[in-house]
Amino acid sequence: ECTTYYFIMLNDVKIGVIRVVTVDDNTCRVSPIFIMPEFENHGYAQVAMTEAERLYPRATEWQIETIKQESILCHLYGKLGYKLTGKEEKIKDEMTIVYYKKLCKI
């Protein structure tokens, strides 16, 4: 595995970070993506995810996990074409981790 961190920039301001883990030649995982609260809900995470995918054109599968109860994040990943894998891990009451993947054509 290889990890690369990228700052998410708005003009010259760092508004977040995204970590891309290259699992193997064909698989990448985003873990985590973070947008500073004052910049949330403006589409920056969507742009950052799309750009990250563009930077790894050989990846045929992308993976990400999130908290099931975070409906905004679940909506974002679904909008970007990620599908639930069916794998879930209950961490505690009201906190379940769900796993997503996206298959891409080369």
N, C-alpha and C. Protein backbone atom coordinates (compact mmCIF):
# COMPACT_ATOMS: atom_id res chain seq x y z
N GLU A 1 0.83 -1.19 0.00
CA GLU A 1 0.00 0.00 0.00
C GLU A 1 0.87 1.25 0.00
N CYS A 2 0.35 2.27 -0.63
CA CYS A 2 1.03 3.56 -0.69
C CYS A 2 0.00 4.64 -0.37
N THR A 3 0.34 5.56 0.49
CA THR A 3 -0.58 6.62 0.90
C THR A 3 -0.09 7.97 0.42
N THR A 4 -1.01 8.75 -0.12
CA THR A 4 -0.72 10.12 -0.52
C THR A 4 -1.81 11.03 0.04
N TYR A 5 -1.37 12.12 0.66
CA TYR A 5 -2.30 13.12 1.18
C TYR A 5 -2.32 14.31 0.24
N TYR A 6 -3.49 14.87 0.02
CA TYR A 6 -3.64 16.06 -0.80
C TYR A 6 -4.42 17.11 -0.01
N PHE A 7 -3.95 18.35 -0.06
CA PHE A 7 -4.73 19.44 0.49
C PHE A 7 -5.84 19.78 -0.49
N ILE A 8 -7.00 20.08 0.04
CA ILE A 8 -8.11 20.57 -0.77
C ILE A 8 -8.05 22.09 -0.67
N MET A 9 -7.85 22.73 -1.81
CA MET A 9 -7.59 24.17 -1.84
C MET A 9 -8.76 24.93 -2.44
N LEU A 10 -9.01 26.10 -1.89
CA LEU A 10 -9.94 27.06 -2.46
C LEU A 10 -9.14 28.34 -2.63
N ASN A 11 -8.82 28.64 -3.87
CA ASN A 11 -7.85 29.71 -4.18
C ASN A 11 -6.55 29.36 -3.46
N ASP A 12 -6.08 30.15 -2.53
CA ASP A 12 -4.83 29.83 -1.83
C ASP A 12 -5.06 29.35 -0.40
N VAL A 13 -6.29 28.99 -0.09
CA VAL A 13 -6.65 28.60 1.27
C VAL A 13 -6.85 27.09 1.35
N LYS A 14 -6.20 26.45 2.33
CA LYS A 14 -6.39 25.03 2.57
C LYS A 14 -7.70 24.85 3.32
N ILE A 15 -8.65 24.17 2.67
CA ILE A 15 -9.97 24.00 3.29
C ILE A 15 -10.24 22.55 3.69
N GLY A 16 -9.31 21.67 3.39
CA GLY A 16 -9.51 20.27 3.75
C GLY A 16 -8.36 19.41 3.29
N VAL A 17 -8.54 18.12 3.47
CA VAL A 17 -7.53 17.15 3.06
C VAL A 17 -8.23 15.87 2.61
N ILE A 18 -7.58 15.19 1.69
CA ILE A 18 -8.04 13.87 1.25
C ILE A 18 -6.83 12.95 1.23
N ARG A 19 -7.03 11.76 1.73
CA ARG A 19 -5.96 10.75 1.73
C ARG A 19 -6.37 9.65 0.75
N VAL A 20 -5.49 9.35 -0.19
CA VAL A 20 -5.72 8.28 -1.15
C VAL A 20 -4.72 7.17 -0.87
N VAL A 21 -5.23 5.98 -0.62
CA VAL A 21 -4.39 4.81 -0.39
C VAL A 21 -4.45 3.95 -1.64
N THR A 22 -3.30 3.72 -2.25
CA THR A 22 -3.22 2.82 -3.39
C THR A 22 -3.06 1.41 -2.80
N VAL A 23 -4.12 0.64 -2.87
CA VAL A 23 -4.12 -0.71 -2.30
C VAL A 23 -3.32 -1.66 -3.16
N ASP A 24 -3.55 -1.60 -4.46
CA ASP A 24 -2.78 -2.36 -5.44
C ASP A 24 -2.87 -1.62 -6.78
N ASP A 25 -2.40 -2.23 -7.86
CA ASP A 25 -2.37 -1.54 -9.15
C ASP A 25 -3.74 -1.07 -9.62
N ASN A 26 -4.81 -1.73 -9.17
CA ASN A 26 -6.14 -1.43 -9.68
C ASN A 26 -7.11 -0.88 -8.65
N THR A 27 -6.71 -0.78 -7.39
CA THR A 27 -7.64 -0.40 -6.32
C THR A 27 -7.09 0.75 -5.49
N CYS A 28 -7.94 1.75 -5.29
CA CYS A 28 -7.60 2.88 -4.42
C CYS A 28 -8.69 3.03 -3.37
N ARG A 29 -8.30 3.55 -2.22
CA ARG A 29 -9.24 3.79 -1.13
C ARG A 29 -9.08 5.22 -0.64
N VAL A 30 -10.19 5.90 -0.42
CA VAL A 30 -10.17 7.23 0.19
C VAL A 30 -10.42 7.04 1.68
N SER A 31 -9.49 7.53 2.47
CA SER A 31 -9.64 7.37 3.92
C SER A 31 -8.65 8.27 4.65
N PRO A 32 -9.06 9.39 5.13
CA PRO A 32 -10.38 10.01 5.08
C PRO A 32 -10.40 11.14 4.07
N ILE A 33 -11.54 11.78 3.96
CA ILE A 33 -11.66 13.08 3.32
C ILE A 33 -12.25 14.00 4.38
N PHE A 34 -11.70 15.19 4.47
CA PHE A 34 -12.13 16.12 5.50
C PHE A 34 -12.23 17.52 4.91
N ILE A 35 -13.35 18.17 5.13
CA ILE A 35 -13.55 19.57 4.75
C ILE A 35 -13.78 20.36 6.03
N MET A 36 -13.10 21.48 6.19
CA MET A 36 -13.28 22.29 7.38
C MET A 36 -14.75 22.72 7.47
N PRO A 37 -15.31 22.71 8.69
CA PRO A 37 -16.75 22.95 8.85
C PRO A 37 -17.29 24.19 8.14
N GLU A 38 -16.54 25.27 8.14
CA GLU A 38 -17.05 26.49 7.51
C GLU A 38 -17.13 26.39 5.98
N PHE A 39 -16.55 25.33 5.40
CA PHE A 39 -16.59 25.14 3.95
C PHE A 39 -17.43 23.94 3.53
N GLU A 40 -18.07 23.28 4.50
CA GLU A 40 -18.91 22.13 4.18
C GLU A 40 -20.17 22.54 3.43
N ASN A 41 -20.73 21.58 2.70
CA ASN A 41 -22.01 21.76 1.99
C ASN A 41 -21.94 22.78 0.86
N HIS A 42 -20.75 22.89 0.25
CA HIS A 42 -20.59 23.77 -0.92
C HIS A 42 -20.09 23.00 -2.14
N GLY A 43 -20.06 21.66 -2.05
CA GLY A 43 -19.63 20.84 -3.19
C GLY A 43 -18.14 20.59 -3.27
N TYR A 44 -17.36 21.07 -2.32
CA TYR A 44 -15.91 20.91 -2.40
C TYR A 44 -15.47 19.45 -2.26
N ALA A 45 -16.15 18.69 -1.42
CA ALA A 45 -15.80 17.27 -1.26
C ALA A 45 -16.05 16.52 -2.57
N GLN A 46 -17.15 16.84 -3.23
CA GLN A 46 -17.46 16.19 -4.50
C GLN A 46 -16.39 16.49 -5.54
N VAL A 47 -15.97 17.73 -5.61
CA VAL A 47 -14.91 18.11 -6.56
C VAL A 47 -13.61 17.40 -6.20
N ALA A 48 -13.27 17.34 -4.91
CA ALA A 48 -12.03 16.70 -4.48
C ALA A 48 -12.04 15.21 -4.80
N MET A 49 -13.17 14.55 -4.57
CA MET A 49 -13.26 13.12 -4.87
C MET A 49 -13.11 12.88 -6.37
N THR A 50 -13.78 13.69 -7.17
CA THR A 50 -13.69 13.55 -8.63
C THR A 50 -12.26 13.77 -9.10
N GLU A 51 -11.61 14.77 -8.55
CA GLU A 51 -10.21 15.06 -8.93
C GLU A 51 -9.29 13.92 -8.49
N ALA A 52 -9.50 13.38 -7.30
CA ALA A 52 -8.67 12.27 -6.84
C ALA A 52 -8.81 11.08 -7.80
N GLU A 53 -10.02 10.78 -8.20
CA GLU A 53 -10.23 9.67 -9.14
C GLU A 53 -9.53 9.94 -10.47
N ARG A 54 -9.52 11.18 -10.90
CA ARG A 54 -8.86 11.54 -12.16
C ARG A 54 -7.34 11.34 -12.06
N LEU A 55 -6.79 11.55 -10.87
CA LEU A 55 -5.34 11.43 -10.68
C LEU A 55 -4.84 9.98 -10.73
N TYR A 56 -5.76 9.03 -10.64
CA TYR A 56 -5.40 7.61 -10.63
C TYR A 56 -6.17 6.89 -11.73
N PRO A 57 -5.83 7.16 -12.99
CA PRO A 57 -6.62 6.62 -14.11
C PRO A 57 -6.56 5.10 -14.24
N ARG A 58 -5.56 4.45 -13.65
CA ARG A 58 -5.46 2.99 -13.75
C ARG A 58 -6.35 2.27 -12.74
N ALA A 59 -6.88 3.01 -11.78
CA ALA A 59 -7.72 2.39 -10.76
C ALA A 59 -9.06 1.96 -11.36
N THR A 60 -9.39 0.71 -11.20
CA THR A 60 -10.68 0.21 -11.67
C THR A 60 -11.67 0.06 -10.52
N GLU A 61 -11.19 0.18 -9.29
CA GLU A 61 -12.06 0.11 -8.12
C GLU A 61 -11.63 1.15 -7.09
N TRP A 62 -12.63 1.85 -6.57
CA TRP A 62 -12.42 2.81 -5.49
C TRP A 62 -13.24 2.36 -4.29
N GLN A 63 -12.68 2.55 -3.11
CA GLN A 63 -13.35 2.15 -1.88
C GLN A 63 -13.39 3.33 -0.92
N ILE A 64 -14.43 3.36 -0.10
CA ILE A 64 -14.53 4.36 0.96
C ILE A 64 -15.49 3.81 2.01
N GLU A 65 -15.29 4.21 3.25
CA GLU A 65 -16.23 3.84 4.29
C GLU A 65 -16.62 5.09 5.06
N THR A 66 -17.80 5.03 5.68
CA THR A 66 -18.29 6.17 6.43
C THR A 66 -19.25 5.69 7.50
N ILE A 67 -19.67 6.60 8.33
CA ILE A 67 -20.65 6.29 9.36
C ILE A 67 -22.04 6.29 8.73
N LYS A 68 -22.74 5.20 8.89
CA LYS A 68 -24.07 5.02 8.29
C LYS A 68 -25.03 6.14 8.67
N GLN A 69 -24.90 6.64 9.89
CA GLN A 69 -25.80 7.67 10.39
C GLN A 69 -25.49 9.06 9.84
N GLU A 70 -24.39 9.22 9.11
CA GLU A 70 -24.03 10.48 8.48
C GLU A 70 -24.67 10.53 7.09
N SER A 71 -25.95 10.87 7.06
CA SER A 71 -26.72 10.78 5.82
C SER A 71 -26.17 11.68 4.72
N ILE A 72 -25.60 12.82 5.06
CA ILE A 72 -25.05 13.72 4.04
C ILE A 72 -23.89 13.05 3.31
N LEU A 73 -23.02 12.37 4.07
CA LEU A 73 -21.88 11.70 3.44
C LEU A 73 -22.35 10.50 2.62
N CYS A 74 -23.31 9.75 3.13
CA CYS A 74 -23.84 8.62 2.38
C CYS A 74 -24.45 9.10 1.06
N HIS A 75 -25.16 10.22 1.10
CA HIS A 75 -25.74 10.80 -0.11
C HIS A 75 -24.64 11.22 -1.09
N LEU A 76 -23.59 11.85 -0.58
CA LEU A 76 -22.48 12.28 -1.43
C LEU A 76 -21.87 11.10 -2.17
N TYR A 77 -21.54 10.04 -1.45
CA TYR A 77 -20.89 8.91 -2.09
C TYR A 77 -21.81 8.23 -3.10
N GLY A 78 -23.09 8.15 -2.78
CA GLY A 78 -24.04 7.61 -3.75
C GLY A 78 -24.12 8.45 -5.01
N LYS A 79 -24.12 9.77 -4.82
CA LYS A 79 -24.18 10.69 -5.95
C LYS A 79 -22.95 10.55 -6.85
N LEU A 80 -21.82 10.18 -6.26
CA LEU A 80 -20.58 10.01 -7.02
C LEU A 80 -20.46 8.62 -7.66
N GLY A 81 -21.47 7.78 -7.47
CA GLY A 81 -21.46 6.47 -8.11
C GLY A 81 -20.97 5.33 -7.23
N TYR A 82 -20.73 5.60 -5.96
CA TYR A 82 -20.32 4.54 -5.04
C TYR A 82 -21.53 3.75 -4.60
N LYS A 83 -21.37 2.44 -4.49
CA LYS A 83 -22.45 1.53 -4.09
C LYS A 83 -22.08 0.86 -2.77
N LEU A 84 -23.09 0.68 -1.93
CA LEU A 84 -22.87 -0.05 -0.68
C LEU A 84 -22.45 -1.48 -0.98
N THR A 85 -21.47 -1.99 -0.24
CA THR A 85 -21.01 -3.37 -0.45
C THR A 85 -21.83 -4.36 0.35
N GLY A 86 -22.56 -3.88 1.35
CA GLY A 86 -23.29 -4.77 2.24
C GLY A 86 -22.54 -5.04 3.53
N LYS A 87 -21.26 -4.71 3.56
CA LYS A 87 -20.47 -4.90 4.78
C LYS A 87 -20.76 -3.74 5.73
N GLU A 88 -21.05 -4.08 6.97
CA GLU A 88 -21.30 -3.09 8.01
C GLU A 88 -20.61 -3.54 9.30
N GLU A 89 -20.14 -2.58 10.07
CA GLU A 89 -19.55 -2.87 11.37
C GLU A 89 -20.17 -1.94 12.40
N LYS A 90 -20.89 -2.52 13.35
CA LYS A 90 -21.47 -1.71 14.41
C LYS A 90 -20.38 -1.39 15.42
N ILE A 91 -20.09 -0.11 15.60
CA ILE A 91 -19.06 0.34 16.52
C ILE A 91 -19.66 0.49 17.92
N LYS A 92 -20.82 1.13 17.97
CA LYS A 92 -21.57 1.31 19.22
C LYS A 92 -22.98 1.70 18.82
N ASP A 93 -23.86 1.87 19.81
CA ASP A 93 -25.22 2.32 19.50
C ASP A 93 -25.13 3.62 18.70
N GLU A 94 -25.92 3.70 17.64
CA GLU A 94 -25.98 4.89 16.78
C GLU A 94 -24.69 5.16 16.01
N MET A 95 -23.81 4.16 15.88
CA MET A 95 -22.62 4.33 15.03
C MET A 95 -22.27 3.01 14.36
N THR A 96 -22.56 2.96 13.06
CA THR A 96 -22.27 1.80 12.25
C THR A 96 -21.45 2.26 11.05
N ILE A 97 -20.34 1.57 10.79
CA ILE A 97 -19.51 1.87 9.63
C ILE A 97 -20.05 1.06 8.44
N VAL A 98 -20.27 1.74 7.32
CA VAL A 98 -20.70 1.09 6.09
C VAL A 98 -19.61 1.28 5.04
N TYR A 99 -19.53 0.31 4.15
CA TYR A 99 -18.48 0.28 3.14
C TYR A 99 -19.08 0.47 1.75
N TYR A 100 -18.40 1.28 0.96
CA TYR A 100 -18.81 1.57 -0.41
C TYR A 100 -17.69 1.21 -1.36
N LYS A 101 -18.07 0.91 -2.61
CA LYS A 101 -17.06 0.78 -3.67
C LYS A 101 -17.65 1.29 -4.97
N LYS A 102 -16.75 1.66 -5.83
CA LYS A 102 -17.12 2.18 -7.15
C LYS A 102 -16.23 1.49 -8.17
N LEU A 103 -16.84 0.90 -9.18
CA LEU A 103 -16.09 0.26 -10.24
C LEU A 103 -15.98 1.24 -11.41
N CYS A 104 -14.78 1.36 -11.94
CA CYS A 104 -14.50 2.31 -13.02
C CYS A 104 -13.98 1.55 -14.23
N LYS A 105 -14.28 2.07 -15.40
CA LYS A 105 -13.74 1.51 -16.63
C LYS A 105 -12.44 2.23 -16.96
N ILE A 106 -11.54 1.50 -17.55
CA ILE A 106 -10.27 2.11 -17.99
C ILE A 106 -10.42 2.56 -19.42
